[in-house]
């Protein structure tokens, strides 16, 4: 899965057995936290229009 916007591109890996998303390079990402249901008020402020 790839998401691209103006000036950036992100690639994610979806595990169909766990239903979880992870970033390709394993870094912490606000979109991954949002998708996996691990978001907090801190990660919510980091999301942009592509993630909403």
N, C-alpha and C. Protein backbone atom coordinates (compact mmCIF):
# COMPACT_ATOMS: atom_id res chain seq x y z
N UNK A 1 0.85 -1.16 0.00
CA UNK A 1 0.00 0.00 0.00
C UNK A 1 0.90 1.23 0.00
N UNK A 2 0.62 2.15 -0.86
CA UNK A 2 1.40 3.38 -0.91
C UNK A 2 0.47 4.58 -0.88
N UNK A 3 0.85 5.57 -0.13
CA UNK A 3 0.11 6.82 -0.07
C UNK A 3 1.06 7.92 -0.48
N UNK A 4 0.65 8.74 -1.42
CA UNK A 4 1.51 9.84 -1.82
C UNK A 4 0.72 11.14 -1.85
N UNK A 5 1.41 12.18 -1.55
CA UNK A 5 0.83 13.51 -1.57
C UNK A 5 1.83 14.45 -2.21
N UNK A 6 1.58 15.69 -2.10
CA UNK A 6 2.48 16.68 -2.69
C UNK A 6 3.80 16.66 -1.92
N UNK A 7 4.85 16.23 -2.57
CA UNK A 7 6.18 16.26 -1.98
C UNK A 7 6.54 15.08 -1.11
N UNK A 8 5.66 14.08 -0.95
CA UNK A 8 6.04 12.93 -0.12
C UNK A 8 5.36 11.66 -0.60
N UNK A 9 5.90 10.56 -0.19
CA UNK A 9 5.34 9.25 -0.51
C UNK A 9 5.65 8.31 0.64
N UNK A 10 4.65 7.53 1.07
CA UNK A 10 4.83 6.61 2.18
C UNK A 10 4.37 5.22 1.75
N UNK A 11 5.08 4.20 2.18
CA UNK A 11 4.73 2.82 1.86
C UNK A 11 4.46 2.07 3.16
N UNK A 12 3.37 1.31 3.17
CA UNK A 12 2.97 0.58 4.36
C UNK A 12 2.78 -0.89 4.04
N UNK A 13 2.89 -1.72 5.08
CA UNK A 13 2.69 -3.15 4.95
C UNK A 13 1.50 -3.52 5.83
N UNK A 14 0.53 -4.23 5.23
CA UNK A 14 -0.66 -4.67 5.96
C UNK A 14 -0.57 -6.16 6.23
N UNK A 15 -0.72 -6.54 7.49
CA UNK A 15 -0.71 -7.94 7.89
C UNK A 15 -2.16 -8.41 7.96
N UNK A 16 -2.58 -9.25 7.02
CA UNK A 16 -3.98 -9.67 6.95
C UNK A 16 -4.37 -10.59 8.10
N UNK A 17 -3.42 -11.24 8.73
CA UNK A 17 -3.73 -12.13 9.85
C UNK A 17 -4.01 -11.34 11.13
N UNK A 18 -3.27 -10.27 11.35
CA UNK A 18 -3.47 -9.47 12.56
C UNK A 18 -4.36 -8.26 12.30
N UNK A 19 -4.51 -7.87 11.03
CA UNK A 19 -5.30 -6.69 10.70
C UNK A 19 -4.58 -5.40 11.04
N UNK A 20 -3.25 -5.47 11.17
CA UNK A 20 -2.45 -4.31 11.56
C UNK A 20 -1.64 -3.79 10.38
N UNK A 21 -1.39 -2.51 10.42
CA UNK A 21 -0.59 -1.83 9.41
C UNK A 21 0.74 -1.46 10.04
N UNK A 22 1.82 -1.50 9.27
CA UNK A 22 3.13 -1.05 9.75
C UNK A 22 3.83 -0.32 8.63
N UNK A 23 4.73 0.56 9.01
CA UNK A 23 5.50 1.28 8.00
C UNK A 23 6.56 0.34 7.44
N UNK A 24 6.93 0.56 6.20
CA UNK A 24 7.86 -0.34 5.52
C UNK A 24 9.21 -0.41 6.23
N UNK A 25 9.66 0.74 6.74
CA UNK A 25 10.97 0.77 7.41
C UNK A 25 10.87 0.58 8.92
N UNK A 26 9.67 0.37 9.46
CA UNK A 26 9.49 0.10 10.88
C UNK A 26 9.48 1.32 11.79
N UNK A 27 9.51 2.51 11.22
CA UNK A 27 9.50 3.71 12.04
C UNK A 27 8.10 3.98 12.57
N UNK A 28 8.04 4.74 13.66
CA UNK A 28 6.76 5.13 14.27
C UNK A 28 6.10 6.16 13.38
N UNK A 29 4.82 5.99 13.14
CA UNK A 29 4.11 6.85 12.20
C UNK A 29 2.71 7.13 12.75
N UNK A 30 2.27 8.38 12.68
CA UNK A 30 0.95 8.76 13.20
C UNK A 30 -0.17 8.06 12.43
N UNK A 31 -0.01 7.87 11.12
CA UNK A 31 -1.04 7.20 10.33
C UNK A 31 -1.16 5.74 10.74
N UNK A 32 -0.05 5.07 11.01
CA UNK A 32 -0.07 3.67 11.45
C UNK A 32 -0.79 3.58 12.79
N UNK A 33 -0.49 4.49 13.71
CA UNK A 33 -1.17 4.50 15.01
C UNK A 33 -2.66 4.73 14.83
N UNK A 34 -3.03 5.65 13.95
CA UNK A 34 -4.44 5.93 13.68
C UNK A 34 -5.14 4.70 13.11
N UNK A 35 -4.54 4.07 12.12
CA UNK A 35 -5.14 2.91 11.47
C UNK A 35 -5.30 1.74 12.44
N UNK A 36 -4.29 1.52 13.29
CA UNK A 36 -4.31 0.40 14.22
C UNK A 36 -5.12 0.67 15.48
N UNK A 37 -5.66 1.88 15.61
CA UNK A 37 -6.46 2.22 16.78
C UNK A 37 -5.65 2.60 18.00
N UNK A 38 -4.37 2.90 17.80
CA UNK A 38 -3.48 3.26 18.91
C UNK A 38 -3.29 4.77 19.03
N UNK A 39 -4.16 5.53 18.44
CA UNK A 39 -3.93 6.98 18.42
C UNK A 39 -4.26 7.61 19.76
N UNK A 40 -3.58 8.68 20.02
CA UNK A 40 -3.80 9.46 21.22
C UNK A 40 -4.02 10.90 20.78
N UNK A 41 -4.21 11.78 21.72
CA UNK A 41 -4.37 13.19 21.37
C UNK A 41 -3.13 13.73 20.69
N UNK A 42 -1.97 13.20 21.05
CA UNK A 42 -0.71 13.65 20.44
C UNK A 42 -0.65 13.25 18.97
N UNK A 43 -0.99 12.00 18.64
CA UNK A 43 -0.93 11.56 17.24
C UNK A 43 -2.04 12.20 16.43
N UNK A 44 -3.17 12.49 17.05
CA UNK A 44 -4.27 13.13 16.32
C UNK A 44 -3.86 14.47 15.76
N UNK A 45 -3.05 15.23 16.48
CA UNK A 45 -2.61 16.54 16.02
C UNK A 45 -1.59 16.42 14.87
N UNK A 46 -0.98 15.25 14.70
CA UNK A 46 0.02 15.05 13.64
C UNK A 46 -0.61 14.62 12.32
N UNK A 47 -1.88 14.24 12.32
CA UNK A 47 -2.53 13.78 11.10
C UNK A 47 -2.86 14.96 10.20
N UNK A 48 -2.83 14.70 8.91
CA UNK A 48 -3.18 15.74 7.94
C UNK A 48 -4.44 15.33 7.20
N UNK A 49 -4.82 16.05 6.16
CA UNK A 49 -6.03 15.77 5.40
C UNK A 49 -6.04 14.43 4.72
N UNK A 50 -4.88 13.88 4.35
CA UNK A 50 -4.83 12.56 3.72
C UNK A 50 -5.21 11.48 4.71
N UNK A 51 -4.93 11.69 6.00
CA UNK A 51 -5.16 10.67 7.02
C UNK A 51 -6.57 10.71 7.60
N UNK A 52 -7.24 11.83 7.50
CA UNK A 52 -8.53 12.01 8.18
C UNK A 52 -9.61 11.12 7.59
